[in-house]
């Protein structure tokens, strides 16, 4: 069972590497790892298990966050219509996205970051993602809102990007557009 001791913290070089594609069909080892990652996220949302094993609640985890530089992540999150997205994906990628952007009010958090980092993280409002699920099936998902943000956060981990990198990009863009901005 994965616990917070297995989560790599910011500063570890694996979090800044572009992860390698998973060879498909996925090996039994990769499937087992991805299943454990999904179980970790599910357990982290169970108040009793979270307390018992000292788990921080999360809605997703990417393989680099457990020290494995492979393109896979697990999500356990509910959208605004109460539809549950609970899955592991191998080699996920965005195949299309909206021009419109959104962000989470109150900012984003991350299991690999042990501090609060304020700021808006710009994300696409709608995305279409393609990947291979734990059963070996290729899936295409059209996502919007909160779940789209979660997927983008985890996809960033596969590309060596931390959520706060996007806050700074956003601030830099604002400074160029509004040169008198302080901060």
N, C-alpha and C. Protein backbone atom coordinates (compact mmCIF):
# COMPACT_ATOMS: atom_id res chain seq x y z
N UNK A 1 0.84 -1.20 0.00
CA UNK A 1 0.00 0.00 0.00
C UNK A 1 0.88 1.25 0.00
N UNK A 2 0.56 2.17 -0.92
CA UNK A 2 1.30 3.43 -0.98
C UNK A 2 0.84 4.35 0.15
N UNK A 3 1.80 5.08 0.75
CA UNK A 3 1.49 6.07 1.77
C UNK A 3 2.23 7.36 1.42
N UNK A 4 2.11 8.37 2.25
CA UNK A 4 2.80 9.64 2.01
C UNK A 4 4.32 9.46 2.00
N UNK A 5 4.82 8.41 2.65
CA UNK A 5 6.27 8.15 2.63
C UNK A 5 6.74 7.83 1.22
N UNK A 6 5.83 7.36 0.36
CA UNK A 6 6.18 7.01 -1.03
C UNK A 6 6.13 8.22 -1.97
N UNK A 7 5.55 9.32 -1.49
CA UNK A 7 5.39 10.51 -2.35
C UNK A 7 6.68 11.32 -2.36
N UNK A 8 7.20 11.54 -3.55
CA UNK A 8 8.41 12.34 -3.76
C UNK A 8 8.05 13.81 -3.58
N UNK A 9 8.90 14.55 -2.87
CA UNK A 9 8.62 15.96 -2.60
C UNK A 9 9.37 16.87 -3.56
N UNK A 10 8.84 18.11 -3.67
CA UNK A 10 9.45 19.08 -4.59
C UNK A 10 10.94 19.21 -4.30
N UNK A 11 11.70 19.40 -5.34
CA UNK A 11 13.16 19.45 -5.23
C UNK A 11 13.79 18.17 -5.76
N UNK A 12 13.03 17.07 -5.75
CA UNK A 12 13.55 15.81 -6.30
C UNK A 12 13.59 15.94 -7.83
N UNK A 13 14.73 15.60 -8.45
CA UNK A 13 14.87 15.77 -9.90
C UNK A 13 13.85 15.00 -10.74
N UNK A 14 13.31 13.90 -10.23
CA UNK A 14 12.34 13.11 -11.01
C UNK A 14 11.11 13.94 -11.35
N UNK A 15 10.78 14.92 -10.50
CA UNK A 15 9.60 15.76 -10.74
C UNK A 15 9.82 16.75 -11.88
N UNK A 16 11.06 16.93 -12.31
CA UNK A 16 11.37 17.89 -13.37
C UNK A 16 11.73 17.21 -14.69
N UNK A 17 11.66 15.87 -14.71
CA UNK A 17 11.97 15.13 -15.93
C UNK A 17 10.70 14.91 -16.75
N UNK A 18 10.87 14.84 -18.07
CA UNK A 18 9.77 14.42 -18.93
C UNK A 18 9.73 12.90 -18.84
N UNK A 19 8.59 12.37 -18.41
CA UNK A 19 8.46 10.93 -18.19
C UNK A 19 8.45 10.17 -19.52
N UNK A 20 8.90 8.93 -19.46
CA UNK A 20 8.96 8.05 -20.63
C UNK A 20 7.60 7.42 -20.89
N UNK A 21 7.30 7.17 -22.17
CA UNK A 21 6.07 6.44 -22.52
C UNK A 21 6.10 5.05 -21.90
N UNK A 22 4.94 4.55 -21.54
CA UNK A 22 4.79 3.18 -21.05
C UNK A 22 4.64 2.29 -22.29
N UNK A 23 5.42 1.22 -22.37
CA UNK A 23 5.28 0.27 -23.46
C UNK A 23 3.96 -0.46 -23.30
N UNK A 24 3.18 -0.46 -24.39
CA UNK A 24 1.86 -1.11 -24.36
C UNK A 24 1.89 -2.37 -25.21
N UNK A 25 1.17 -3.42 -24.86
CA UNK A 25 0.37 -3.48 -23.65
C UNK A 25 1.24 -3.37 -22.40
N UNK A 26 0.67 -2.76 -21.37
CA UNK A 26 1.41 -2.50 -20.13
C UNK A 26 1.83 -3.82 -19.47
N UNK A 27 3.01 -3.79 -18.87
CA UNK A 27 3.50 -4.96 -18.14
C UNK A 27 2.67 -5.15 -16.88
N UNK A 28 2.72 -6.35 -16.33
CA UNK A 28 2.01 -6.61 -15.07
C UNK A 28 2.51 -5.67 -13.98
N UNK A 29 3.82 -5.40 -13.97
CA UNK A 29 4.40 -4.50 -12.97
C UNK A 29 3.82 -3.09 -13.10
N UNK A 30 3.74 -2.57 -14.34
CA UNK A 30 3.18 -1.23 -14.54
C UNK A 30 1.69 -1.19 -14.16
N UNK A 31 0.94 -2.24 -14.51
CA UNK A 31 -0.48 -2.29 -14.14
C UNK A 31 -0.64 -2.30 -12.62
N UNK A 32 0.20 -3.10 -11.94
CA UNK A 32 0.13 -3.19 -10.48
C UNK A 32 0.45 -1.82 -9.85
N UNK A 33 1.48 -1.15 -10.37
CA UNK A 33 1.85 0.17 -9.86
C UNK A 33 0.71 1.16 -10.04
N UNK A 34 0.11 1.17 -11.24
CA UNK A 34 -0.97 2.11 -11.51
C UNK A 34 -2.19 1.80 -10.64
N UNK A 35 -2.48 0.54 -10.43
CA UNK A 35 -3.59 0.15 -9.55
C UNK A 35 -3.33 0.62 -8.12
N UNK A 36 -2.08 0.49 -7.65
CA UNK A 36 -1.71 0.96 -6.30
C UNK A 36 -1.85 2.48 -6.20
N UNK A 37 -1.50 3.18 -7.28
CA UNK A 37 -1.64 4.64 -7.29
C UNK A 37 -3.11 5.03 -7.18
N UNK A 38 -3.97 4.34 -7.93
CA UNK A 38 -5.40 4.62 -7.86
C UNK A 38 -5.93 4.33 -6.45
N UNK A 39 -5.52 3.22 -5.87
CA UNK A 39 -5.96 2.86 -4.52
C UNK A 39 -5.49 3.91 -3.50
N UNK A 40 -4.27 4.43 -3.69
CA UNK A 40 -3.76 5.48 -2.81
C UNK A 40 -4.70 6.69 -2.82
N UNK A 41 -5.09 7.14 -4.03
CA UNK A 41 -5.95 8.33 -4.12
C UNK A 41 -7.31 8.05 -3.49
N UNK A 42 -7.87 6.86 -3.76
CA UNK A 42 -9.15 6.49 -3.15
C UNK A 42 -9.02 6.46 -1.62
N UNK A 43 -7.97 5.82 -1.11
CA UNK A 43 -7.75 5.74 0.34
C UNK A 43 -7.58 7.13 0.95
N UNK A 44 -6.91 8.03 0.23
CA UNK A 44 -6.63 9.37 0.77
C UNK A 44 -7.90 10.16 0.99
N UNK A 45 -8.98 9.78 0.28
CA UNK A 45 -10.25 10.48 0.42
C UNK A 45 -11.17 9.84 1.45
N UNK A 46 -10.77 8.72 2.00
CA UNK A 46 -11.54 8.03 3.04
C UNK A 46 -11.05 8.56 4.39
N UNK A 47 -11.88 9.30 5.12
CA UNK A 47 -11.42 9.94 6.36
C UNK A 47 -10.77 8.97 7.35
N UNK A 48 -11.33 7.78 7.51
CA UNK A 48 -10.76 6.81 8.47
C UNK A 48 -9.39 6.31 8.01
N UNK A 49 -9.29 5.92 6.74
CA UNK A 49 -8.01 5.43 6.23
C UNK A 49 -6.96 6.54 6.19
N UNK A 50 -7.40 7.74 5.80
CA UNK A 50 -6.47 8.88 5.74
C UNK A 50 -5.87 9.15 7.11
N UNK A 51 -6.72 9.09 8.14
CA UNK A 51 -6.21 9.33 9.50
C UNK A 51 -5.32 8.18 9.95
N UNK A 52 -5.76 6.96 9.73
CA UNK A 52 -5.02 5.78 10.17
C UNK A 52 -3.61 5.73 9.56
N UNK A 53 -3.50 6.06 8.26
CA UNK A 53 -2.22 5.95 7.56
C UNK A 53 -1.56 7.30 7.30
N UNK A 54 -2.11 8.38 7.90
CA UNK A 54 -1.56 9.72 7.77
C UNK A 54 -1.44 10.13 6.30
N UNK A 55 -2.54 10.00 5.56
CA UNK A 55 -2.56 10.34 4.14
C UNK A 55 -3.15 11.73 3.94
N UNK A 56 -2.51 12.51 3.10
CA UNK A 56 -3.09 13.79 2.70
C UNK A 56 -4.10 13.54 1.59
N UNK A 57 -5.28 14.12 1.68
CA UNK A 57 -6.28 13.88 0.63
C UNK A 57 -5.80 14.40 -0.71
N UNK A 58 -6.05 13.60 -1.74
CA UNK A 58 -5.69 14.00 -3.10
C UNK A 58 -6.72 13.48 -4.07
N UNK A 59 -6.76 14.08 -5.26
CA UNK A 59 -7.68 13.63 -6.31
C UNK A 59 -6.93 12.97 -7.47
N UNK A 60 -5.61 13.07 -7.43
CA UNK A 60 -4.81 12.44 -8.48
C UNK A 60 -3.38 12.29 -8.03
N UNK A 61 -2.68 11.35 -8.69
CA UNK A 61 -1.25 11.17 -8.44
C UNK A 61 -0.63 10.65 -9.74
N UNK A 62 0.53 11.20 -10.07
CA UNK A 62 1.25 10.80 -11.28
C UNK A 62 2.47 9.97 -10.88
N UNK A 63 2.87 9.06 -11.77
CA UNK A 63 3.98 8.16 -11.47
C UNK A 63 5.26 8.88 -11.02
N UNK A 64 5.64 10.03 -11.63
CA UNK A 64 6.84 10.72 -11.13
C UNK A 64 6.74 11.08 -9.64
N UNK A 65 5.52 11.25 -9.13
CA UNK A 65 5.35 11.60 -7.73
C UNK A 65 5.67 10.44 -6.79
N UNK A 66 5.79 9.24 -7.33
CA UNK A 66 6.25 8.11 -6.51
C UNK A 66 7.61 7.64 -7.01
N UNK A 67 8.31 8.54 -7.72
CA UNK A 67 9.68 8.27 -8.13
C UNK A 67 9.83 7.44 -9.40
N UNK A 68 8.75 7.27 -10.15
CA UNK A 68 8.78 6.46 -11.38
C UNK A 68 8.55 7.38 -12.57
N UNK A 69 9.54 7.53 -13.43
CA UNK A 69 9.45 8.45 -14.55
C UNK A 69 8.80 7.77 -15.77
N UNK A 70 7.51 7.45 -15.60
CA UNK A 70 6.72 6.84 -16.67
C UNK A 70 5.42 7.61 -16.82
N UNK A 71 4.89 7.62 -18.05
CA UNK A 71 3.69 8.39 -18.37
C UNK A 71 2.44 7.63 -17.94
N UNK A 72 2.12 7.75 -16.66
CA UNK A 72 0.88 7.17 -16.14
C UNK A 72 0.45 7.94 -14.90
N UNK A 73 -0.87 8.06 -14.74
CA UNK A 73 -1.40 8.70 -13.54
C UNK A 73 -2.75 8.10 -13.19
N UNK A 74 -3.15 8.34 -11.94
CA UNK A 74 -4.44 7.87 -11.43
C UNK A 74 -5.24 9.07 -10.96
N UNK A 75 -6.55 9.00 -11.21
CA UNK A 75 -7.48 10.08 -10.85
C UNK A 75 -8.66 9.46 -10.12
N UNK A 76 -9.12 10.14 -9.07
CA UNK A 76 -10.36 9.75 -8.40
C UNK A 76 -11.02 11.08 -8.01
N UNK A 77 -11.86 11.58 -8.93
CA UNK A 77 -12.44 12.91 -8.74
C UNK A 77 -13.85 12.95 -9.34
N UNK A 78 -14.67 13.81 -8.77
CA UNK A 78 -16.05 13.96 -9.20
C UNK A 78 -16.23 15.31 -9.87
N UNK A 79 -16.95 15.31 -11.00
CA UNK A 79 -17.19 16.58 -11.70
C UNK A 79 -18.39 17.30 -11.10
N UNK A 80 -18.73 18.42 -11.71
CA UNK A 80 -19.81 19.27 -11.19
C UNK A 80 -21.19 18.61 -11.28
N UNK A 81 -21.32 17.57 -12.10
CA UNK A 81 -22.58 16.83 -12.20
C UNK A 81 -22.56 15.55 -11.35
N UNK A 82 -21.59 15.46 -10.44
CA UNK A 82 -21.43 14.30 -9.56
C UNK A 82 -21.06 13.02 -10.29
N UNK A 83 -20.47 13.14 -11.48
CA UNK A 83 -19.97 11.96 -12.20
C UNK A 83 -18.56 11.68 -11.69
N UNK A 84 -18.34 10.43 -11.26
CA UNK A 84 -17.04 10.03 -10.71
C UNK A 84 -16.12 9.58 -11.84
N UNK A 85 -14.93 10.14 -11.86
CA UNK A 85 -13.85 9.70 -12.75
C UNK A 85 -12.83 9.02 -11.85
N UNK A 86 -12.83 7.69 -11.88
CA UNK A 86 -11.92 6.91 -11.04
C UNK A 86 -11.20 5.95 -11.97
N UNK A 87 -9.94 6.27 -12.29
CA UNK A 87 -9.24 5.48 -13.30
C UNK A 87 -7.74 5.72 -13.26
N UNK A 88 -7.05 4.77 -13.84
CA UNK A 88 -5.64 4.93 -14.11
C UNK A 88 -5.47 4.98 -15.61
N UNK A 89 -4.57 5.84 -16.09
CA UNK A 89 -4.31 5.95 -17.53
C UNK A 89 -2.83 5.82 -17.83
N UNK A 90 -2.54 5.08 -18.88
CA UNK A 90 -1.19 4.98 -19.42
C UNK A 90 -1.09 5.91 -20.63
N UNK A 91 0.02 6.61 -20.75
CA UNK A 91 0.32 7.48 -21.89
C UNK A 91 -0.82 8.46 -22.23
N UNK A 92 -1.38 9.13 -21.22
CA UNK A 92 -2.46 10.08 -21.52
C UNK A 92 -1.91 11.30 -22.24
N UNK A 93 -2.72 11.85 -23.13
CA UNK A 93 -2.32 13.10 -23.78
C UNK A 93 -3.56 13.88 -24.17
N UNK A 94 -3.40 15.20 -24.18
CA UNK A 94 -4.47 16.09 -24.62
C UNK A 94 -4.44 16.10 -26.14
N UNK A 95 -5.59 15.76 -26.77
CA UNK A 95 -5.64 15.79 -28.23
C UNK A 95 -6.35 17.04 -28.76
N UNK A 96 -7.11 17.72 -27.89
CA UNK A 96 -7.68 19.01 -28.25
C UNK A 96 -8.06 19.75 -26.97
N UNK A 97 -8.17 21.07 -27.08
CA UNK A 97 -8.53 21.88 -25.91
C UNK A 97 -9.20 23.17 -26.35
N UNK A 98 -9.92 23.76 -25.42
CA UNK A 98 -10.58 25.04 -25.68
C UNK A 98 -9.55 26.16 -25.66
N UNK A 99 -9.92 27.27 -26.24
CA UNK A 99 -9.10 28.48 -26.13
C UNK A 99 -9.37 29.11 -24.77
N UNK A 100 -10.63 29.01 -24.34
CA UNK A 100 -11.05 29.57 -23.05
C UNK A 100 -10.27 28.92 -21.90
N UNK A 101 -9.87 29.74 -20.95
CA UNK A 101 -9.14 29.23 -19.78
C UNK A 101 -10.00 29.36 -18.52
N UNK A 102 -9.60 28.62 -17.51
CA UNK A 102 -10.26 28.65 -16.21
C UNK A 102 -9.18 28.45 -15.15
N UNK A 103 -9.60 28.44 -13.90
CA UNK A 103 -8.68 28.14 -12.79
C UNK A 103 -9.51 27.74 -11.58
N UNK A 104 -8.86 27.10 -10.63
CA UNK A 104 -9.53 26.76 -9.37
C UNK A 104 -9.49 27.96 -8.45
N UNK A 105 -10.65 28.36 -7.96
CA UNK A 105 -10.67 29.43 -6.95
C UNK A 105 -9.90 28.91 -5.74
N UNK A 106 -9.03 29.73 -5.20
CA UNK A 106 -8.25 29.31 -4.04
C UNK A 106 -6.96 28.60 -4.43
N UNK A 107 -6.72 28.44 -5.73
CA UNK A 107 -5.47 27.84 -6.20
C UNK A 107 -5.47 26.32 -6.14
N UNK A 108 -4.33 25.75 -6.52
CA UNK A 108 -4.16 24.30 -6.54
C UNK A 108 -3.20 23.87 -5.44
N UNK A 109 -3.31 22.61 -5.08
CA UNK A 109 -2.37 22.00 -4.15
C UNK A 109 -1.76 20.79 -4.82
N UNK A 110 -0.80 20.18 -4.15
CA UNK A 110 -0.10 19.04 -4.74
C UNK A 110 0.45 18.17 -3.62
N UNK A 111 0.32 16.85 -3.76
CA UNK A 111 0.85 15.94 -2.75
C UNK A 111 2.36 16.06 -2.60
N UNK A 112 3.04 16.52 -3.66
CA UNK A 112 4.50 16.66 -3.62
C UNK A 112 4.95 18.00 -3.06
N UNK A 113 4.02 18.88 -2.75
CA UNK A 113 4.35 20.23 -2.26
C UNK A 113 3.76 20.39 -0.87
N UNK A 114 4.64 20.57 0.11
CA UNK A 114 4.23 20.64 1.51
C UNK A 114 4.00 22.06 2.01
N UNK A 115 3.66 22.96 1.10
CA UNK A 115 3.41 24.35 1.50
C UNK A 115 2.29 24.90 0.64
N UNK A 116 1.61 25.92 1.17
CA UNK A 116 0.57 26.59 0.40
C UNK A 116 1.23 27.57 -0.55
N UNK A 117 0.82 27.53 -1.80
CA UNK A 117 1.34 28.47 -2.79
C UNK A 117 0.14 29.17 -3.40
N UNK A 118 -0.08 30.44 -3.02
CA UNK A 118 -1.25 31.15 -3.53
C UNK A 118 -1.07 31.54 -4.99
N UNK A 119 -2.17 31.69 -5.67
CA UNK A 119 -2.14 32.18 -7.05
C UNK A 119 -3.02 31.34 -7.96
N UNK A 120 -3.48 31.98 -9.01
CA UNK A 120 -4.30 31.29 -9.99
C UNK A 120 -3.42 30.49 -10.94
N UNK A 121 -3.84 29.27 -11.22
CA UNK A 121 -3.13 28.40 -12.16
C UNK A 121 -3.99 28.31 -13.41
N UNK A 122 -3.59 28.99 -14.50
CA UNK A 122 -4.43 28.97 -15.69
C UNK A 122 -4.47 27.58 -16.32
N UNK A 123 -5.66 27.12 -16.65
CA UNK A 123 -5.89 25.81 -17.28
C UNK A 123 -6.91 25.99 -18.39
N UNK A 124 -6.90 25.06 -19.35
CA UNK A 124 -7.94 25.06 -20.38
C UNK A 124 -9.27 24.69 -19.74
N UNK A 125 -10.35 25.35 -20.16
CA UNK A 125 -11.68 25.06 -19.62
C UNK A 125 -12.17 23.67 -20.02
N UNK A 126 -11.87 23.29 -21.28
CA UNK A 126 -12.31 21.99 -21.79
C UNK A 126 -11.14 21.31 -22.49
N UNK A 127 -11.03 20.02 -22.29
CA UNK A 127 -9.98 19.25 -22.95
C UNK A 127 -10.55 17.91 -23.43
N UNK A 128 -9.92 17.35 -24.43
CA UNK A 128 -10.18 15.98 -24.83
C UNK A 128 -8.88 15.22 -24.63
N UNK A 129 -8.96 14.14 -23.86
CA UNK A 129 -7.79 13.35 -23.49
C UNK A 129 -7.92 11.95 -24.08
N UNK A 130 -6.80 11.43 -24.56
CA UNK A 130 -6.77 10.05 -25.03
C UNK A 130 -5.70 9.32 -24.21
N UNK A 131 -5.97 8.08 -23.85
CA UNK A 131 -5.01 7.27 -23.10
C UNK A 131 -5.48 5.83 -23.09
N UNK A 132 -4.72 4.99 -22.41
CA UNK A 132 -5.05 3.58 -22.28
C UNK A 132 -5.35 3.28 -20.83
N UNK A 133 -6.51 2.66 -20.57
CA UNK A 133 -6.90 2.40 -19.18
C UNK A 133 -6.27 1.10 -18.65
N UNK A 134 -6.55 0.80 -17.39
CA UNK A 134 -5.98 -0.39 -16.74
C UNK A 134 -6.38 -1.70 -17.42
N UNK A 135 -7.49 -1.67 -18.13
CA UNK A 135 -7.96 -2.88 -18.83
C UNK A 135 -7.31 -3.01 -20.21
N UNK A 136 -6.45 -2.04 -20.57
CA UNK A 136 -5.77 -2.09 -21.86
C UNK A 136 -6.57 -1.49 -23.01
N UNK A 137 -7.69 -0.83 -22.69
CA UNK A 137 -8.53 -0.22 -23.72
C UNK A 137 -8.12 1.23 -23.94
N UNK A 138 -8.10 1.65 -25.22
CA UNK A 138 -7.85 3.05 -25.51
C UNK A 138 -9.15 3.81 -25.24
N UNK A 139 -9.05 4.89 -24.47
CA UNK A 139 -10.23 5.68 -24.14
C UNK A 139 -10.00 7.13 -24.56
N UNK A 140 -11.09 7.78 -24.93
CA UNK A 140 -11.08 9.20 -25.24
C UNK A 140 -12.10 9.86 -24.32
N UNK A 141 -11.68 10.86 -23.59
CA UNK A 141 -12.53 11.53 -22.60
C UNK A 141 -12.64 13.01 -22.93
N UNK A 142 -13.86 13.50 -22.97
CA UNK A 142 -14.10 14.94 -23.12
C UNK A 142 -14.40 15.48 -21.72
N UNK A 143 -13.56 16.38 -21.25
CA UNK A 143 -13.65 16.84 -19.86
C UNK A 143 -13.79 18.35 -19.81
N UNK A 144 -14.45 18.80 -18.74
CA UNK A 144 -14.58 20.25 -18.51
C UNK A 144 -14.54 20.51 -17.02
N UNK A 145 -14.33 21.76 -16.66
CA UNK A 145 -14.39 22.16 -15.25
C UNK A 145 -13.33 21.51 -14.39
N UNK A 146 -13.74 21.14 -13.17
CA UNK A 146 -12.81 20.63 -12.16
C UNK A 146 -12.02 19.42 -12.64
N UNK A 147 -12.69 18.45 -13.25
CA UNK A 147 -12.01 17.23 -13.68
C UNK A 147 -10.98 17.54 -14.77
N UNK A 148 -11.30 18.47 -15.66
CA UNK A 148 -10.33 18.88 -16.69
C UNK A 148 -9.09 19.50 -16.04
N UNK A 149 -9.29 20.27 -14.98
CA UNK A 149 -8.17 20.87 -14.25
C UNK A 149 -7.31 19.78 -13.61
N UNK A 150 -7.95 18.79 -12.99
CA UNK A 150 -7.23 17.69 -12.34
C UNK A 150 -6.37 16.95 -13.38
N UNK A 151 -6.96 16.62 -14.53
CA UNK A 151 -6.21 15.91 -15.57
C UNK A 151 -5.01 16.73 -16.03
N UNK A 152 -5.20 18.05 -16.21
CA UNK A 152 -4.10 18.90 -16.66
C UNK A 152 -2.98 18.97 -15.61
N UNK A 153 -3.35 19.01 -14.34
CA UNK A 153 -2.36 19.03 -13.26
C UNK A 153 -1.51 17.77 -13.33
N UNK A 154 -2.16 16.60 -13.47
CA UNK A 154 -1.43 15.34 -13.52
C UNK A 154 -0.61 15.21 -14.80
N UNK A 155 -1.17 15.67 -15.93
CA UNK A 155 -0.40 15.65 -17.18
C UNK A 155 0.85 16.51 -17.06
N UNK A 156 0.75 17.66 -16.38
CA UNK A 156 1.93 18.49 -16.16
C UNK A 156 3.04 17.70 -15.46
N UNK A 157 2.67 16.89 -14.47
CA UNK A 157 3.69 16.08 -13.77
C UNK A 157 4.45 15.19 -14.74
N UNK A 158 3.77 14.70 -15.77
CA UNK A 158 4.43 13.81 -16.73
C UNK A 158 5.39 14.58 -17.63
N UNK A 159 5.26 15.90 -17.64
CA UNK A 159 6.13 16.75 -18.46
C UNK A 159 7.11 17.57 -17.63
N UNK A 160 7.25 17.23 -16.34
CA UNK A 160 8.21 17.92 -15.48
C UNK A 160 7.79 19.32 -15.07
N UNK A 161 6.48 19.58 -15.12
CA UNK A 161 5.96 20.91 -14.78
C UNK A 161 5.22 20.85 -13.45
N UNK A 162 5.54 21.78 -12.56
CA UNK A 162 4.84 21.91 -11.29
C UNK A 162 3.77 22.99 -11.44
N UNK A 163 2.67 22.86 -10.69
CA UNK A 163 1.56 23.80 -10.85
C UNK A 163 1.99 25.25 -10.65
N UNK A 164 2.94 25.50 -9.75
CA UNK A 164 3.33 26.88 -9.48
C UNK A 164 4.15 27.48 -10.61
N UNK A 165 4.69 26.65 -11.51
CA UNK A 165 5.35 27.19 -12.71
C UNK A 165 4.33 27.98 -13.52
N UNK A 166 3.10 27.50 -13.57
CA UNK A 166 2.05 28.16 -14.35
C UNK A 166 1.58 29.44 -13.67
N UNK A 167 1.63 29.51 -12.36
CA UNK A 167 1.28 30.76 -11.65
C UNK A 167 2.25 31.85 -12.09
N UNK A 168 3.54 31.52 -12.11
CA UNK A 168 4.56 32.51 -12.48
C UNK A 168 4.42 32.92 -13.94
N UNK A 169 4.11 31.95 -14.84
CA UNK A 169 3.89 32.29 -16.25
C UNK A 169 2.73 33.27 -16.36
N UNK A 170 1.68 33.03 -15.57
CA UNK A 170 0.50 33.89 -15.58
C UNK A 170 0.87 35.29 -15.10
N UNK A 171 1.63 35.36 -14.02
CA UNK A 171 2.05 36.66 -13.49
C UNK A 171 2.95 37.40 -14.49
N UNK A 172 3.86 36.65 -15.13
CA UNK A 172 4.75 37.28 -16.12
C UNK A 172 3.95 37.82 -17.30
N UNK A 173 2.94 37.08 -17.74
CA UNK A 173 2.09 37.52 -18.84
C UNK A 173 1.34 38.79 -18.43
N UNK A 174 0.82 38.81 -17.21
CA UNK A 174 0.12 40.01 -16.72
C UNK A 174 1.06 41.21 -16.67
N UNK A 175 2.30 40.98 -16.20
CA UNK A 175 3.26 42.09 -16.11
C UNK A 175 3.55 42.68 -17.49
N UNK A 176 3.63 41.80 -18.51
CA UNK A 176 3.86 42.30 -19.88
C UNK A 176 2.66 43.10 -20.37
N UNK A 177 1.44 42.62 -20.00
CA UNK A 177 0.24 43.29 -20.47
C UNK A 177 -0.09 44.52 -19.62
N UNK A 178 0.27 44.49 -18.35
CA UNK A 178 0.01 45.59 -17.42
C UNK A 178 1.34 45.95 -16.74
N UNK A 179 2.19 46.75 -17.41
CA UNK A 179 3.54 46.98 -16.90
C UNK A 179 3.64 47.59 -15.50
N UNK A 180 2.59 48.24 -15.01
CA UNK A 180 2.65 48.87 -13.69
C UNK A 180 2.27 47.92 -12.55
N UNK A 181 2.02 46.65 -12.88
CA UNK A 181 1.62 45.66 -11.86
C UNK A 181 2.75 45.45 -10.87
N UNK A 182 2.42 45.44 -9.59
CA UNK A 182 3.42 45.17 -8.54
C UNK A 182 3.31 43.71 -8.12
N UNK A 183 4.42 43.11 -7.68
CA UNK A 183 4.36 41.76 -7.17
C UNK A 183 5.09 40.85 -8.04
